[in-house]
PDB file of N, CA and C in Angstrom:
ATOM      1  N   UNK A   1     -41.227 -46.813  59.007  1.00  0.00           N
ATOM      2  CA  UNK A   1     -42.491 -47.697  59.319  1.00  0.00           C
ATOM      3  C   UNK A   1     -43.499 -47.309  58.239  1.00  0.00           C
ATOM      4  N   UNK A   2     -44.351 -48.149  58.067  1.00  0.00           N
ATOM      5  CA  UNK A   2     -45.372 -48.028  57.085  1.00  0.00           C
ATOM      6  C   UNK A   2     -46.754 -47.588  57.762  1.00  0.00           C
ATOM      7  N   UNK A   3     -46.833 -47.840  59.030  1.00  0.00           N
ATOM      8  CA  UNK A   3     -47.967 -47.349  59.722  1.00  0.00           C
ATOM      9  C   UNK A   3     -48.276 -45.775  59.744  1.00  0.00           C
ATOM     10  N   UNK A   4     -49.519 -45.593  59.160  1.00  0.00           N
ATOM     11  CA  UNK A   4     -49.981 -44.200  58.962  1.00  0.00           C
ATOM     12  C   UNK A   4     -49.944 -43.378  60.423  1.00  0.00           C
ATOM     13  N   UNK A   5     -50.378 -44.116  61.439  1.00  0.00           N
ATOM     14  CA  UNK A   5     -50.542 -43.461  62.728  1.00  0.00           C
ATOM     15  C   UNK A   5     -49.161 -43.136  63.474  1.00  0.00           C
ATOM     16  N   UNK A   6     -47.950 -43.963  63.057  1.00  0.00           N
ATOM     17  CA  UNK A   6     -46.589 -43.855  63.476  1.00  0.00           C
ATOM     18  C   UNK A   6     -46.062 -42.725  62.697  1.00  0.00           C
ATOM     19  N   UNK A   7     -46.484 -42.435  61.460  1.00  0.00           N
ATOM     20  CA  UNK A   7     -46.034 -41.317  60.628  1.00  0.00           C
ATOM     21  C   UNK A   7     -46.691 -40.045  61.151  1.00  0.00           C
ATOM     22  N   UNK A   8     -47.963 -40.216  61.524  1.00  0.00           N
ATOM     23  CA  UNK A   8     -48.533 -38.870  62.131  1.00  0.00           C
ATOM     24  C   UNK A   8     -48.064 -38.656  63.518  1.00  0.00           C
ATOM     25  N   UNK A   9     -47.695 -39.465  64.215  1.00  0.00           N
ATOM     26  CA  UNK A   9     -46.985 -39.288  65.621  1.00  0.00           C
ATOM     27  C   UNK A   9     -45.665 -38.892  65.444  1.00  0.00           C
ATOM     28  N   UNK A  10     -44.972 -39.239  64.366  1.00  0.00           N
ATOM     29  CA  UNK A  10     -43.673 -38.862  64.224  1.00  0.00           C
ATOM     30  C   UNK A  10     -43.652 -37.372  63.468  1.00  0.00           C
ATOM     31  N   UNK A  11     -44.651 -36.892  62.980  1.00  0.00           N
ATOM     32  CA  UNK A  11     -44.567 -35.612  62.348  1.00  0.00           C
ATOM     33  C   UNK A  11     -44.514 -35.682  60.915  1.00  0.00           C
ATOM     34  N   UNK A  12     -44.478 -36.860  60.348  1.00  0.00           N
ATOM     35  CA  UNK A  12     -44.239 -36.906  58.950  1.00  0.00           C
ATOM     36  C   UNK A  12     -45.460 -36.760  58.058  1.00  0.00           C
ATOM     37  N   UNK A  13     -46.641 -36.794  58.593  1.00  0.00           N
ATOM     38  CA  UNK A  13     -47.710 -36.446  58.066  1.00  0.00           C
ATOM     39  C   UNK A  13     -48.719 -35.361  58.855  1.00  0.00           C
ATOM     40  N   UNK A  14     -48.851 -34.417  58.122  1.00  0.00           N
ATOM     41  CA  UNK A  14     -49.635 -33.270  58.976  1.00  0.00           C
ATOM     42  C   UNK A  14     -50.935 -33.619  59.381  1.00  0.00           C
ATOM     43  N   UNK A  15     -51.376 -33.117  60.476  1.00  0.00           N
ATOM     44  CA  UNK A  15     -52.842 -33.390  60.817  1.00  0.00           C
ATOM     45  C   UNK A  15     -53.320 -32.124  61.614  1.00  0.00           C
ATOM     46  N   UNK A  16     -54.583 -31.969  61.677  1.00  0.00           N
ATOM     47  CA  UNK A  16     -55.207 -30.971  62.813  1.00  0.00           C
ATOM     48  C   UNK A  16     -55.013 -31.383  64.003  1.00  0.00           C
ATOM     49  N   UNK A  17     -53.996 -31.209  64.658  1.00  0.00           N
ATOM     50  CA  UNK A  17     -53.565 -31.591  66.142  1.00  0.00           C
ATOM     51  C   UNK A  17     -54.469 -30.816  67.122  1.00  0.00           C
ATOM     52  N   UNK A  18     -54.983 -31.579  68.102  1.00  0.00           N
ATOM     53  CA  UNK A  18     -55.771 -30.901  69.259  1.00  0.00           C
ATOM     54  C   UNK A  18     -54.968 -30.995  70.489  1.00  0.00           C
ATOM     55  N   UNK A  19     -53.850 -31.956  70.566  1.00  0.00           N
ATOM     56  CA  UNK A  19     -53.129 -32.157  71.844  1.00  0.00           C
ATOM     57  C   UNK A  19     -52.030 -32.838  71.277  1.00  0.00           C
ATOM     58  N   UNK A  20     -50.838 -32.638  71.764  1.00  0.00           N
ATOM     59  CA  UNK A  20     -49.696 -33.615  71.715  1.00  0.00           C
ATOM     60  C   UNK A  20     -48.780 -33.513  72.950  1.00  0.00           C
ATOM     61  N   UNK A  21     -48.207 -34.505  73.243  1.00  0.00           N
ATOM     62  CA  UNK A  21     -47.083 -34.517  74.274  1.00  0.00           C
ATOM     63  C   UNK A  21     -46.128 -35.727  74.119  1.00  0.00           C
ATOM     64  N   UNK A  22     -45.205 -36.040  74.785  1.00  0.00           N
ATOM     65  CA  UNK A  22     -44.200 -36.989  74.583  1.00  0.00           C
ATOM     66  C   UNK A  22     -44.837 -38.496  74.129  1.00  0.00           C
ATOM     67  N   UNK A  23     -46.081 -38.590  74.892  1.00  0.00           N
ATOM     68  CA  UNK A  23     -46.574 -39.965  74.800  1.00  0.00           C
ATOM     69  C   UNK A  23     -47.727 -40.176  73.758  1.00  0.00           C
ATOM     70  N   UNK A  24     -48.590 -39.123  73.695  1.00  0.00           N
ATOM     71  CA  UNK A  24     -49.613 -39.238  72.812  1.00  0.00           C
ATOM     72  C   UNK A  24     -50.033 -38.142  71.930  1.00  0.00           C
ATOM     73  N   UNK A  25     -50.751 -38.456  70.931  1.00  0.00           N
ATOM     74  CA  UNK A  25     -51.241 -37.044  69.997  1.00  0.00           C
ATOM     75  C   UNK A  25     -52.594 -37.266  69.828  1.00  0.00           C
ATOM     76  N   UNK A  26     -53.425 -36.117  69.923  1.00  0.00           N
ATOM     77  CA  UNK A  26     -54.856 -36.260  69.682  1.00  0.00           C
ATOM     78  C   UNK A  26     -55.162 -35.347  68.312  1.00  0.00           C
ATOM     79  N   UNK A  27     -55.808 -35.731  67.346  1.00  0.00           N
ATOM     80  CA  UNK A  27     -56.126 -35.039  66.035  1.00  0.00           C
ATOM     81  C   UNK A  27     -57.377 -35.296  65.657  1.00  0.00           C
ATOM     82  N   UNK A  28     -57.970 -34.291  64.869  1.00  0.00           N
ATOM     83  CA  UNK A  28     -59.409 -34.612  64.127  1.00  0.00           C
ATOM     84  C   UNK A  28     -59.314 -35.762  63.182  1.00  0.00           C
ATOM     85  N   UNK A  29     -60.504 -36.341  63.218  1.00  0.00           N
ATOM     86  CA  UNK A  29     -60.685 -37.548  62.146  1.00  0.00           C
ATOM     87  C   UNK A  29     -60.859 -36.875  60.924  1.00  0.00           C
ATOM     88  N   UNK A  30     -60.194 -37.589  60.070  1.00  0.00           N
ATOM     89  CA  UNK A  30     -60.402 -36.929  58.416  1.00  0.00           C
ATOM     90  C   UNK A  30     -61.810 -37.392  57.881  1.00  0.00           C
ATOM     91  N   UNK A  31     -62.436 -38.332  58.491  1.00  0.00           N
ATOM     92  CA  UNK A  31     -63.859 -38.674  57.966  1.00  0.00           C
ATOM     93  C   UNK A  31     -64.700 -38.741  59.115  1.00  0.00           C
ATOM     94  N   UNK A  32     -65.106 -37.454  59.671  1.00  0.00           N
ATOM     95  CA  UNK A  32     -65.932 -37.356  60.998  1.00  0.00           C
ATOM     96  C   UNK A  32     -67.308 -38.175  60.898  1.00  0.00           C
ATOM     97  N   UNK A  33     -67.615 -38.763  61.966  1.00  0.00           N
ATOM     98  CA  UNK A  33     -68.846 -39.400  62.167  1.00  0.00           C
ATOM     99  C   UNK A  33     -69.684 -38.741  63.057  1.00  0.00           C
ATOM    100  N   UNK A  34     -69.189 -37.563  63.555  1.00  0.00           N
ATOM    101  CA  UNK A  34     -70.112 -36.702  64.657  1.00  0.00           C
ATOM    102  C   UNK A  34     -69.442 -35.215  64.343  1.00  0.00           C
ATOM    103  N   UNK A  35     -70.360 -34.270  64.825  1.00  0.00           N
ATOM    104  CA  UNK A  35     -69.681 -32.948  64.834  1.00  0.00           C
ATOM    105  C   UNK A  35     -68.277 -32.707  65.554  1.00  0.00           C
ATOM    106  N   UNK A  36     -68.174 -33.509  66.525  1.00  0.00           N
ATOM    107  CA  UNK A  36     -66.843 -33.580  67.081  1.00  0.00           C
ATOM    108  C   UNK A  36     -66.407 -34.955  66.956  1.00  0.00           C
ATOM    109  N   UNK A  37     -65.245 -35.289  66.059  1.00  0.00           N
ATOM    110  CA  UNK A  37     -64.792 -36.688  66.190  1.00  0.00           C
ATOM    111  C   UNK A  37     -63.263 -36.565  65.822  1.00  0.00           C
ATOM    112  N   UNK A  38     -62.767 -36.914  67.065  1.00  0.00           N
ATOM    113  CA  UNK A  38     -61.095 -37.050  67.009  1.00  0.00           C
ATOM    114  C   UNK A  38     -60.649 -38.275  67.509  1.00  0.00           C
ATOM    115  N   UNK A  39     -59.373 -38.543  67.153  1.00  0.00           N
ATOM    116  CA  UNK A  39     -58.458 -39.709  67.533  1.00  0.00           C
ATOM    117  C   UNK A  39     -57.399 -39.295  68.522  1.00  0.00           C
ATOM    118  N   UNK A  40     -57.228 -40.320  69.657  1.00  0.00           N
ATOM    119  CA  UNK A  40     -56.042 -40.056  70.308  1.00  0.00           C
ATOM    120  C   UNK A  40     -55.247 -41.446  70.086  1.00  0.00           C
ATOM    121  N   UNK A  41     -53.817 -41.238  69.796  1.00  0.00           N
ATOM    122  CA  UNK A  41     -53.165 -42.273  69.741  1.00  0.00           C
ATOM    123  C   UNK A  41     -51.874 -42.225  70.460  1.00  0.00           C
ATOM    124  N   UNK A  42     -51.289 -43.435  70.976  1.00  0.00           N
ATOM    125  CA  UNK A  42     -50.078 -43.278  71.634  1.00  0.00           C
ATOM    126  C   UNK A  42     -48.936 -43.198  70.540  1.00  0.00           C
ATOM    127  N   UNK A  43     -47.833 -42.551  70.885  1.00  0.00           N
ATOM    128  CA  UNK A  43     -46.480 -42.583  69.985  1.00  0.00           C
ATOM    129  C   UNK A  43     -45.943 -44.037  69.848  1.00  0.00           C
ATOM    130  N   UNK A  44     -46.138 -44.779  70.806  1.00  0.00           N
ATOM    131  CA  UNK A  44     -45.602 -46.164  70.794  1.00  0.00           C
ATOM    132  C   UNK A  44     -46.571 -46.966  69.875  1.00  0.00           C
ATOM    133  N   UNK A  45     -46.007 -47.837  69.046  1.00  0.00           N
ATOM    134  CA  UNK A  45     -46.727 -48.515  68.195  1.00  0.00           C
ATOM    135  C   UNK A  45     -47.452 -49.804  68.891  1.00  0.00           C
ATOM    136  N   UNK A  46     -48.546 -49.908  68.984  1.00  0.00           N
ATOM    137  CA  UNK A  46     -49.249 -51.162  69.575  1.00  0.00           C
ATOM    138  C   UNK A  46     -50.241 -51.525  68.512  1.00  0.00           C
ATOM    139  N   UNK A  47     -50.369 -52.684  67.975  1.00  0.00           N
ATOM    140  CA  UNK A  47     -51.241 -53.024  66.956  1.00  0.00           C
ATOM    141  C   UNK A  47     -52.653 -52.844  67.198  1.00  0.00           C
ATOM    142  N   UNK A  48     -53.206 -52.991  68.514  1.00  0.00           N
ATOM    143  CA  UNK A  48     -54.530 -52.865  68.640  1.00  0.00           C
ATOM    144  C   UNK A  48     -54.391 -53.065  70.301  1.00  0.00           C
ATOM    145  N   UNK A  49     -55.940 -53.040  70.752  1.00  0.00           N
ATOM    146  CA  UNK A  49     -56.226 -53.321  72.237  1.00  0.00           C
ATOM    147  C   UNK A  49     -55.653 -54.563  72.695  1.00  0.00           C
ATOM    148  N   UNK A  50     -55.747 -55.695  71.735  1.00  0.00           N
ATOM    149  CA  UNK A  50     -55.287 -56.958  71.984  1.00  0.00           C
ATOM    150  C   UNK A  50     -53.494 -57.063  72.294  1.00  0.00           C
ATOM    151  N   UNK A  51     -52.797 -56.021  71.967  1.00  0.00           N
ATOM    152  CA  UNK A  51     -51.678 -56.055  71.959  1.00  0.00           C
ATOM    153  C   UNK A  51     -51.043 -55.362  73.309  1.00  0.00           C
ATOM    154  N   UNK A  52     -52.066 -54.735  74.113  1.00  0.00           N
ATOM    155  CA  UNK A  52     -51.675 -54.006  75.181  1.00  0.00           C
ATOM    156  C   UNK A  52     -51.190 -54.929  76.299  1.00  0.00           C
ATOM    157  N   UNK A  53     -50.077 -54.745  76.850  1.00  0.00           N
ATOM    158  CA  UNK A  53     -49.486 -55.344  78.057  1.00  0.00           C
ATOM    159  C   UNK A  53     -49.400 -54.711  79.355  1.00  0.00           C
ATOM    160  N   UNK A  54     -49.209 -55.349  80.596  1.00  0.00           N
ATOM    161  CA  UNK A  54     -49.286 -54.632  81.745  1.00  0.00           C
ATOM    162  C   UNK A  54     -48.295 -53.378  81.461  1.00  0.00           C
ATOM    163  N   UNK A  55     -47.340 -53.602  80.923  1.00  0.00           N
ATOM    164  CA  UNK A  55     -46.442 -52.440  80.820  1.00  0.00           C
ATOM    165  C   UNK A  55     -46.924 -51.058  80.079  1.00  0.00           C
ATOM    166  N   UNK A  56     -47.762 -51.436  79.413  1.00  0.00           N
ATOM    167  CA  UNK A  56     -48.686 -50.289  78.621  1.00  0.00           C
ATOM    168  C   UNK A  56     -49.735 -49.739  79.335  1.00  0.00           C
ATOM    169  N   UNK A  57     -50.162 -50.062  80.597  1.00  0.00           N
ATOM    170  CA  UNK A  57     -51.250 -49.589  81.285  1.00  0.00           C
ATOM    171  C   UNK A  57     -51.102 -48.036  81.652  1.00  0.00           C
ATOM    172  N   UNK A  58     -49.960 -47.662  81.943  1.00  0.00           N
ATOM    173  CA  UNK A  58     -49.967 -46.088  82.240  1.00  0.00           C
ATOM    174  C   UNK A  58     -50.126 -45.363  80.688  1.00  0.00           C
ATOM    175  N   UNK A  59     -49.668 -45.770  79.741  1.00  0.00           N
ATOM    176  CA  UNK A  59     -49.667 -45.134  78.546  1.00  0.00           C
ATOM    177  C   UNK A  59     -51.335 -45.326  78.098  1.00  0.00           C
ATOM    178  N   UNK A  60     -51.971 -46.171  77.953  1.00  0.00           N
ATOM    179  CA  UNK A  60     -53.323 -46.598  77.565  1.00  0.00           C
ATOM    180  C   UNK A  60     -54.197 -45.840  78.517  1.00  0.00           C
ATOM    181  N   UNK A  61     -54.060 -45.812  79.724  1.00  0.00           N
ATOM    182  CA  UNK A  61     -54.761 -44.931  80.746  1.00  0.00           C
ATOM    183  C   UNK A  61     -54.581 -43.372  80.265  1.00  0.00           C
ATOM    184  N   UNK A  62     -53.519 -42.921  79.788  1.00  0.00           N
ATOM    185  CA  UNK A  62     -53.209 -41.558  79.578  1.00  0.00           C
ATOM    186  C   UNK A  62     -54.048 -41.251  78.280  1.00  0.00           C
ATOM    187  N   UNK A  63     -54.062 -42.304  77.377  1.00  0.00           N
ATOM    188  CA  UNK A  63     -54.953 -41.999  76.176  1.00  0.00           C
ATOM    189  C   UNK A  63     -56.430 -41.752  76.496  1.00  0.00           C
ATOM    190  N   UNK A  64     -57.052 -42.483  77.361  1.00  0.00           N
ATOM    191  CA  UNK A  64     -58.338 -42.205  77.743  1.00  0.00           C
ATOM    192  C   UNK A  64     -58.411 -40.927  78.393  1.00  0.00           C
ATOM    193  N   UNK A  65     -57.638 -40.514  79.487  1.00  0.00           N
ATOM    194  CA  UNK A  65     -57.482 -39.314  79.974  1.00  0.00           C
ATOM    195  C   UNK A  65     -57.481 -38.111  79.102  1.00  0.00           C
ATOM    196  N   UNK A  66     -56.658 -38.251  78.106  1.00  0.00           N
ATOM    197  CA  UNK A  66     -56.537 -37.157  77.181  1.00  0.00           C
ATOM    198  C   UNK A  66     -57.725 -37.047  76.315  1.00  0.00           C
ATOM    199  N   UNK A  67     -58.394 -38.130  75.932  1.00  0.00           N
ATOM    200  CA  UNK A  67     -59.505 -38.237  75.308  1.00  0.00           C
ATOM    201  C   UNK A  67     -60.669 -37.450  75.818  1.00  0.00           C
ATOM    202  N   UNK A  68     -60.833 -37.629  77.206  1.00  0.00           N
ATOM    203  CA  UNK A  68     -61.653 -37.027  78.139  1.00  0.00           C
ATOM    204  C   UNK A  68     -61.312 -35.284  78.158  1.00  0.00           C
ATOM    205  N   UNK A  69     -60.170 -35.008  78.342  1.00  0.00           N
ATOM    206  CA  UNK A  69     -59.642 -33.650  78.549  1.00  0.00           C
ATOM    207  C   UNK A  69     -59.910 -32.793  77.257  1.00  0.00           C
ATOM    208  N   UNK A  70     -59.606 -33.436  75.994  1.00  0.00           N
ATOM    209  CA  UNK A  70     -59.772 -32.683  74.806  1.00  0.00           C
ATOM    210  C   UNK A  70     -61.289 -32.551  74.558  1.00  0.00           C
ATOM    211  N   UNK A  71     -61.991 -33.548  74.867  1.00  0.00           N
ATOM    212  CA  UNK A  71     -63.505 -33.535  74.498  1.00  0.00           C
ATOM    213  C   UNK A  71     -63.982 -32.194  75.529  1.00  0.00           C
ATOM    214  N   UNK A  72     -63.765 -31.983  76.740  1.00  0.00           N
ATOM    215  CA  UNK A  72     -64.200 -31.190  77.740  1.00  0.00           C
ATOM    216  C   UNK A  72     -63.511 -29.594  76.973  1.00  0.00           C
ATOM    217  N   UNK A  73     -62.235 -29.613  76.482  1.00  0.00           N
ATOM    218  CA  UNK A  73     -61.689 -28.617  76.007  1.00  0.00           C
ATOM    219  C   UNK A  73     -62.645 -27.952  74.711  1.00  0.00           C
ATOM    220  N   UNK A  74     -63.060 -29.065  74.032  1.00  0.00           N
ATOM    221  CA  UNK A  74     -63.915 -28.807  72.721  1.00  0.00           C
ATOM    222  C   UNK A  74     -65.230 -28.259  73.074  1.00  0.00           C
ATOM    223  N   UNK A  75     -65.493 -28.175  74.567  1.00  0.00           N
ATOM    224  CA  UNK A  75     -67.021 -27.724  74.992  1.00  0.00           C
ATOM    225  C   UNK A  75     -67.814 -28.920  75.123  1.00  0.00           C
ATOM    226  N   UNK A  76     -67.481 -30.128  75.263  1.00  0.00           N
ATOM    227  CA  UNK A  76     -68.547 -31.321  75.243  1.00  0.00           C
ATOM    228  C   UNK A  76     -68.238 -31.981  76.453  1.00  0.00           C
ATOM    229  N   UNK A  77     -69.500 -32.105  77.370  1.00  0.00           N
ATOM    230  CA  UNK A  77     -69.386 -32.766  78.442  1.00  0.00           C
ATOM    231  C   UNK A  77     -69.985 -34.426  78.191  1.00  0.00           C
ATOM    232  N   UNK A  78     -70.650 -34.576  77.067  1.00  0.00           N
ATOM    233  CA  UNK A  78     -71.181 -35.717  76.787  1.00  0.00           C
ATOM    234  C   UNK A  78     -70.423 -36.316  75.523  1.00  0.00           C
ATOM    235  N   UNK A  79     -69.802 -37.507  75.636  1.00  0.00           N
ATOM    236  CA  UNK A  79     -69.091 -37.998  74.555  1.00  0.00           C
ATOM    237  C   UNK A  79     -69.113 -39.500  74.464  1.00  0.00           C
ATOM    238  N   UNK A  80     -68.622 -40.127  73.388  1.00  0.00           N
ATOM    239  CA  UNK A  80     -68.461 -41.670  73.397  1.00  0.00           C
ATOM    240  C   UNK A  80     -67.037 -41.899  72.937  1.00  0.00           C
ATOM    241  N   UNK A  81     -66.429 -42.878  73.743  1.00  0.00           N
ATOM    242  CA  UNK A  81     -65.112 -43.439  73.338  1.00  0.00           C
ATOM    243  C   UNK A  81     -65.438 -44.972  72.625  1.00  0.00           C
ATOM    244  N   UNK A  82     -64.816 -45.040  71.510  1.00  0.00           N
ATOM    245  CA  UNK A  82     -64.897 -46.106  70.833  1.00  0.00           C
ATOM    246  C   UNK A  82     -63.332 -46.693  70.532  1.00  0.00           C
ATOM    247  N   UNK A  83     -63.155 -48.111  70.813  1.00  0.00           N
ATOM    248  CA  UNK A  83     -61.947 -48.563  70.669  1.00  0.00           C
ATOM    249  C   UNK A  83     -62.339 -49.948  69.795  1.00  0.00           C
ATOM    250  N   UNK A  84     -61.715 -50.216  68.652  1.00  0.00           N
ATOM    251  CA  UNK A  84     -61.956 -51.510  67.762  1.00  0.00           C
ATOM    252  C   UNK A  84     -60.547 -52.351  67.869  1.00  0.00           C
ATOM    253  N   UNK A  85     -60.858 -53.582  67.891  1.00  0.00           N
ATOM    254  CA  UNK A  85     -59.875 -54.542  67.720  1.00  0.00           C
ATOM    255  C   UNK A  85     -59.971 -55.595  66.636  1.00  0.00           C
ATOM    256  N   UNK A  86     -59.325 -55.606  65.520  1.00  0.00           N
ATOM    257  CA  UNK A  86     -59.648 -56.485  64.674  1.00  0.00           C
ATOM    258  C   UNK A  86     -60.572 -55.945  63.450  1.00  0.00           C
ATOM    259  N   UNK A  87     -60.453 -56.742  62.106  1.00  0.00           N
ATOM    260  CA  UNK A  87     -61.233 -56.144  61.161  1.00  0.00           C
ATOM    261  C   UNK A  87     -62.640 -56.230  61.345  1.00  0.00           C
ATOM    262  N   UNK A  88     -63.160 -57.500  62.032  1.00  0.00           N
ATOM    263  CA  UNK A  88     -64.543 -57.801  62.202  1.00  0.00           C
ATOM    264  C   UNK A  88     -65.002 -56.731  63.114  1.00  0.00           C
ATOM    265  N   UNK A  89     -64.410 -55.965  64.035  1.00  0.00           N
ATOM    266  CA  UNK A  89     -64.816 -55.085  64.946  1.00  0.00           C
ATOM    267  C   UNK A  89     -64.680 -53.691  64.244  1.00  0.00           C
ATOM    268  N   UNK A  90     -64.118 -53.671  63.068  1.00  0.00           N
ATOM    269  CA  UNK A  90     -64.283 -52.336  62.475  1.00  0.00           C
ATOM    270  C   UNK A  90     -62.844 -51.604  62.533  1.00  0.00           C
ATOM    271  N   UNK A  91     -61.705 -52.246  63.085  1.00  0.00           N
ATOM    272  CA  UNK A  91     -60.638 -51.504  62.978  1.00  0.00           C
ATOM    273  C   UNK A  91     -59.944 -51.779  61.582  1.00  0.00           C
ATOM    274  N   UNK A  92     -59.559 -50.423  61.103  1.00  0.00           N
ATOM    275  CA  UNK A  92     -58.835 -50.270  59.770  1.00  0.00           C
ATOM    276  C   UNK A  92     -57.471 -49.938  59.721  1.00  0.00           C
ATOM    277  N   UNK A  93     -57.084 -49.354  60.984  1.00  0.00           N
ATOM    278  CA  UNK A  93     -55.579 -48.920  60.964  1.00  0.00           C
ATOM    279  C   UNK A  93     -55.115 -49.668  62.236  1.00  0.00           C
ATOM    280  N   UNK A  94     -54.126 -50.558  61.895  1.00  0.00           N
ATOM    281  CA  UNK A  94     -53.704 -51.364  63.164  1.00  0.00           C
ATOM    282  C   UNK A  94     -52.619 -50.866  64.054  1.00  0.00           C
ATOM    283  N   UNK A  95     -53.039 -49.884  64.750  1.00  0.00           N
ATOM    284  CA  UNK A  95     -52.244 -48.982  65.899  1.00  0.00           C
ATOM    285  C   UNK A  95     -53.303 -48.726  66.657  1.00  0.00           C
ATOM    286  N   UNK A  96     -53.252 -49.014  67.992  1.00  0.00           N
ATOM    287  CA  UNK A  96     -54.169 -48.723  68.923  1.00  0.00           C
ATOM    288  C   UNK A  96     -54.585 -47.225  68.901  1.00  0.00           C
ATOM    289  N   UNK A  97     -55.874 -47.014  68.742  1.00  0.00           N
ATOM    290  CA  UNK A  97     -56.352 -45.653  68.870  1.00  0.00           C
ATOM    291  C   UNK A  97     -57.837 -45.513  69.521  1.00  0.00           C
ATOM    292  N   UNK A  98     -58.043 -44.272  69.959  1.00  0.00           N
ATOM    293  CA  UNK A  98     -59.326 -44.132  70.661  1.00  0.00           C
ATOM    294  C   UNK A  98     -60.060 -43.093  69.735  1.00  0.00           C
ATOM    295  N   UNK A  99     -61.161 -43.517  69.493  1.00  0.00           N
ATOM    296  CA  UNK A  99     -62.147 -42.485  68.797  1.00  0.00           C
ATOM    297  C   UNK A  99     -62.902 -41.812  69.733  1.00  0.00           C
ATOM    298  N   UNK A 100     -63.003 -40.462  69.745  1.00  0.00           N
ATOM    299  CA  UNK A 100     -64.068 -39.711  70.664  1.00  0.00           C
ATOM    300  C   UNK A 100     -65.015 -38.990  69.881  1.00  0.00           C
ATOM    301  N   UNK A 101     -66.174 -39.244  69.860  1.00  0.00           N
ATOM    302  CA  UNK A 101     -67.345 -38.808  69.187  1.00  0.00           C
ATOM    303  C   UNK A 101     -68.382 -38.027  70.084  1.00  0.00           C
ATOM    304  N   UNK A 102     -68.822 -36.741  69.559  1.00  0.00           N
ATOM    305  CA  UNK A 102     -69.673 -35.976  70.492  1.00  0.00           C
ATOM    306  C   UNK A 102     -70.496 -34.931  69.439  1.00  0.00           C
ATOM    307  N   UNK A 103     -71.501 -34.342  70.094  1.00  0.00           N
ATOM    308  CA  UNK A 103     -72.236 -33.349  69.247  1.00  0.00           C
ATOM    309  C   UNK A 103     -73.515 -33.615  68.591  1.00  0.00           C
ATOM    310  N   UNK A 104     -73.669 -34.933  68.736  1.00  0.00           N
ATOM    311  CA  UNK A 104     -74.975 -35.592  68.152  1.00  0.00           C
ATOM    312  C   UNK A 104     -75.558 -36.631  69.261  1.00  0.00           C
ATOM    313  N   UNK A 105     -76.808 -37.090  69.004  1.00  0.00           N
ATOM    314  CA  UNK A 105     -77.244 -38.356  69.760  1.00  0.00           C
ATOM    315  C   UNK A 105     -76.591 -39.338  69.053  1.00  0.00           C
ATOM    316  N   UNK A 106     -76.010 -40.216  69.927  1.00  0.00           N
ATOM    317  CA  UNK A 106     -75.411 -41.529  69.669  1.00  0.00           C
ATOM    318  C   UNK A 106     -76.234 -42.517  70.208  1.00  0.00           C
ATOM    319  N   UNK A 107     -76.711 -43.488  69.252  1.00  0.00           N
ATOM    320  CA  UNK A 107     -77.675 -44.550  69.603  1.00  0.00           C
ATOM    321  C   UNK A 107     -76.693 -45.793  70.154  1.00  0.00           C
ATOM    322  N   UNK A 108     -77.573 -46.584  70.807  1.00  0.00           N
ATOM    323  CA  UNK A 108     -77.146 -48.003  71.361  1.00  0.00           C
ATOM    324  C   UNK A 108     -78.104 -49.089  70.956  1.00  0.00           C
ATOM    325  N   UNK A 109     -77.680 -49.970  70.320  1.00  0.00           N
ATOM    326  CA  UNK A 109     -76.236 -50.389  69.874  1.00  0.00           C
ATOM    327  C   UNK A 109     -75.931 -49.393  68.675  1.00  0.00           C
ATOM    328  N   UNK A 110     -74.663 -49.375  68.467  1.00  0.00           N
ATOM    329  CA  UNK A 110     -74.269 -48.645  67.240  1.00  0.00           C
ATOM    330  C   UNK A 110     -74.641 -49.453  65.980  1.00  0.00           C
ATOM    331  N   UNK A 111     -74.956 -48.795  64.954  1.00  0.00           N
ATOM    332  CA  UNK A 111     -75.150 -49.211  63.719  1.00  0.00           C
ATOM    333  C   UNK A 111     -74.185 -50.211  62.992  1.00  0.00           C
TER     334      UNK A 111
END
């Protein structure tokens, strides 16, 4: 498969992992936008949030839970979750993923 996140989840591309289990992988973003910036991805390929079905609810809920747990383990109680769907929304890798950002003031609306 040519999906870079599938390759990361499959261990073909090394990353700085913060967490992994049979369902999800969390790793530091290669282009961080905050002092703490990591991604949480499911091992199952889902093209984006719009591809999530009722069958995927447990898995996508786990992505959120792991994001919060890893943020806390990294010493952050305040953090932001970001999920993009489609190019106009800023999605550049078409595999569902959660950005977790922390460690600086995050304004609203985002720029």
